[in-house]
Amino acid sequence: MLYMLLIYADEAEWNSYSEAQQAAVMREHAALDEDLRAAGKYKGCGALEATGSATTVRVRGGKTLVSDGPFAETKEQFGGYYLVNARDLDDAMAIAARIPTARNGSIEVRPLAILNES
């Protein structure tokens, strides 16, 4: 079953890390990627630019409204994801626990709804 592992963290905390600390975290991500690929569970992953680069689009009453920034102000921001093929929820949660950001942020685990088979 496909699961999306949504990574949430405090951008300010990440920005306070030294280059060496950031590089160490990125090496952990690379090792996880390699392990998931070897196990046939890797389907994709990605990181987002900082929330300051975000634009939110809404349509209300037929009019498009555009605003700078993310939808809501929170302590943790959505920063990236892994898409994995896990046996079940327990397997997906075990993978989520291996994401470095789980130590200081949170990982939301959600099964993907298959909308069509084409």
Protein backbone atom coordinates (compact mmCIF):
# COMPACT_ATOMS: atom_id res chain seq x y z
CA MET A 1 0.00 0.00 0.00
CA LEU A 2 1.24 3.49 -0.78
CA TYR A 3 1.76 5.89 2.11
CA MET A 4 2.71 9.56 2.08
CA LEU A 5 5.01 10.50 4.95
CA LEU A 6 4.61 14.26 5.38
CA ILE A 7 7.52 15.97 7.13
CA TYR A 8 6.82 18.92 9.44
CA ALA A 9 9.53 20.90 11.20
CA ASP A 10 10.36 24.33 12.55
CA GLU A 11 12.12 26.22 9.73
CA ALA A 12 13.77 28.58 12.21
CA GLU A 13 15.36 25.62 14.01
CA TRP A 14 16.68 24.19 10.72
CA ASN A 15 18.06 27.60 9.75
CA SER A 16 19.89 27.79 13.09
CA TYR A 17 21.88 24.61 12.29
CA SER A 18 25.44 24.97 11.11
CA GLU A 19 26.31 23.78 7.61
CA ALA A 20 27.91 20.69 9.18
CA GLN A 21 24.74 19.90 11.16
CA GLN A 22 22.56 20.31 8.06
CA ALA A 23 24.93 18.10 6.04
CA ALA A 24 24.77 15.40 8.72
CA VAL A 25 20.96 15.36 8.57
CA MET A 26 21.05 15.21 4.78
CA ARG A 27 23.42 12.21 4.96
CA GLU A 28 20.84 10.47 7.15
CA HIS A 29 18.16 11.17 4.53
CA ALA A 30 20.45 9.77 1.82
CA ALA A 31 21.03 6.59 3.86
CA LEU A 32 17.28 6.18 4.38
CA ASP A 33 16.67 6.70 0.65
CA GLU A 34 19.25 4.01 -0.15
CA ASP A 35 17.72 1.55 2.33
CA LEU A 36 14.20 2.14 1.01
CA ARG A 37 15.35 1.68 -2.59
CA ALA A 38 17.14 -1.57 -1.71
CA ALA A 39 13.98 -2.84 0.01
CA GLY A 40 11.78 -1.88 -2.96
CA LYS A 41 9.78 0.54 -0.81
CA TYR A 42 10.98 3.85 -2.27
CA LYS A 43 8.51 5.60 -4.57
CA GLY A 44 9.79 9.17 -4.27
CA CYS A 45 10.69 11.98 -1.94
CA GLY A 46 11.15 15.70 -2.10
CA ALA A 47 11.81 18.84 -0.13
CA LEU A 48 10.02 22.15 -0.34
CA GLU A 49 11.56 25.60 -0.41
CA ALA A 50 10.97 27.76 2.68
CA THR A 51 7.43 28.90 3.43
CA GLY A 52 8.44 32.44 2.52
CA SER A 53 8.45 31.33 -1.12
CA ALA A 54 4.89 29.94 -0.93
CA THR A 55 1.82 31.37 -2.63
CA THR A 56 -1.71 30.37 -1.65
CA VAL A 57 -4.51 30.34 -4.23
CA ARG A 58 -8.22 30.32 -3.34
CA VAL A 59 -11.30 30.70 -5.52
CA ARG A 60 -14.25 32.39 -3.81
CA GLY A 61 -17.38 33.47 -5.60
CA GLY A 62 -15.73 32.76 -8.94
CA LYS A 63 -12.80 35.09 -8.17
CA THR A 64 -9.24 33.89 -7.74
CA LEU A 65 -7.56 35.23 -4.61
CA VAL A 66 -3.80 34.98 -4.29
CA SER A 67 -1.83 35.60 -1.12
CA ASP A 68 1.80 35.26 -0.15
CA GLY A 69 2.84 32.54 2.22
CA PRO A 70 1.36 29.30 3.47
CA PHE A 71 -2.28 28.70 4.31
CA ALA A 72 -1.85 28.89 8.10
CA GLU A 73 0.72 30.03 10.61
CA THR A 74 1.98 27.11 12.68
CA LYS A 75 5.00 26.24 14.79
CA GLU A 76 5.92 23.50 12.33
CA GLN A 77 5.89 23.90 8.58
CA PHE A 78 5.40 21.26 5.87
CA GLY A 79 8.86 20.83 4.46
CA GLY A 80 8.96 17.63 2.45
CA TYR A 81 7.71 14.12 1.97
CA TYR A 82 8.49 10.49 1.28
CA LEU A 83 6.20 8.32 -0.82
CA VAL A 84 6.68 4.70 0.18
CA ASN A 85 5.20 1.32 -0.60
CA ALA A 86 4.74 -0.22 2.86
CA ARG A 87 3.25 -3.56 3.86
CA ASP A 88 0.82 -1.87 6.26
CA LEU A 89 0.45 1.07 8.63
CA ASP A 90 2.92 -0.41 11.12
CA ASP A 91 5.56 -0.68 8.40
CA ALA A 92 4.86 2.90 7.26
CA MET A 93 5.16 4.18 10.85
CA ALA A 94 8.47 2.33 11.28
CA ILE A 95 9.80 4.05 8.16
CA ALA A 96 8.49 7.42 9.39
CA ALA A 97 10.37 6.95 12.68
CA ARG A 98 13.60 6.67 10.67
CA ILE A 99 13.18 10.10 9.07
CA PRO A 100 15.67 12.39 10.85
CA THR A 101 13.08 15.13 11.35
CA ALA A 102 10.99 12.81 13.54
CA ARG A 103 13.45 13.62 16.34
CA ASN A 104 12.57 17.32 16.49
CA GLY A 105 9.50 17.71 14.26
CA SER A 106 6.72 15.37 13.25
CA ILE A 107 5.90 12.97 10.46
CA GLU A 108 2.29 12.60 9.38
CA VAL A 109 1.60 9.13 7.93
CA ARG A 110 -1.30 8.93 5.46
CA PRO A 111 -2.37 6.19 3.10
CA LEU A 112 -2.89 7.27 -0.49
CA ALA A 113 -6.39 6.95 -1.88
CA ILE A 114 -6.24 5.46 -5.37
CA LEU A 115 -8.73 7.51 -7.38
CA ASN A 116 -8.37 5.67 -10.67
CA GLU A 117 -6.39 2.77 -12.00
CA SER A 118 -5.40 4.30 -15.35
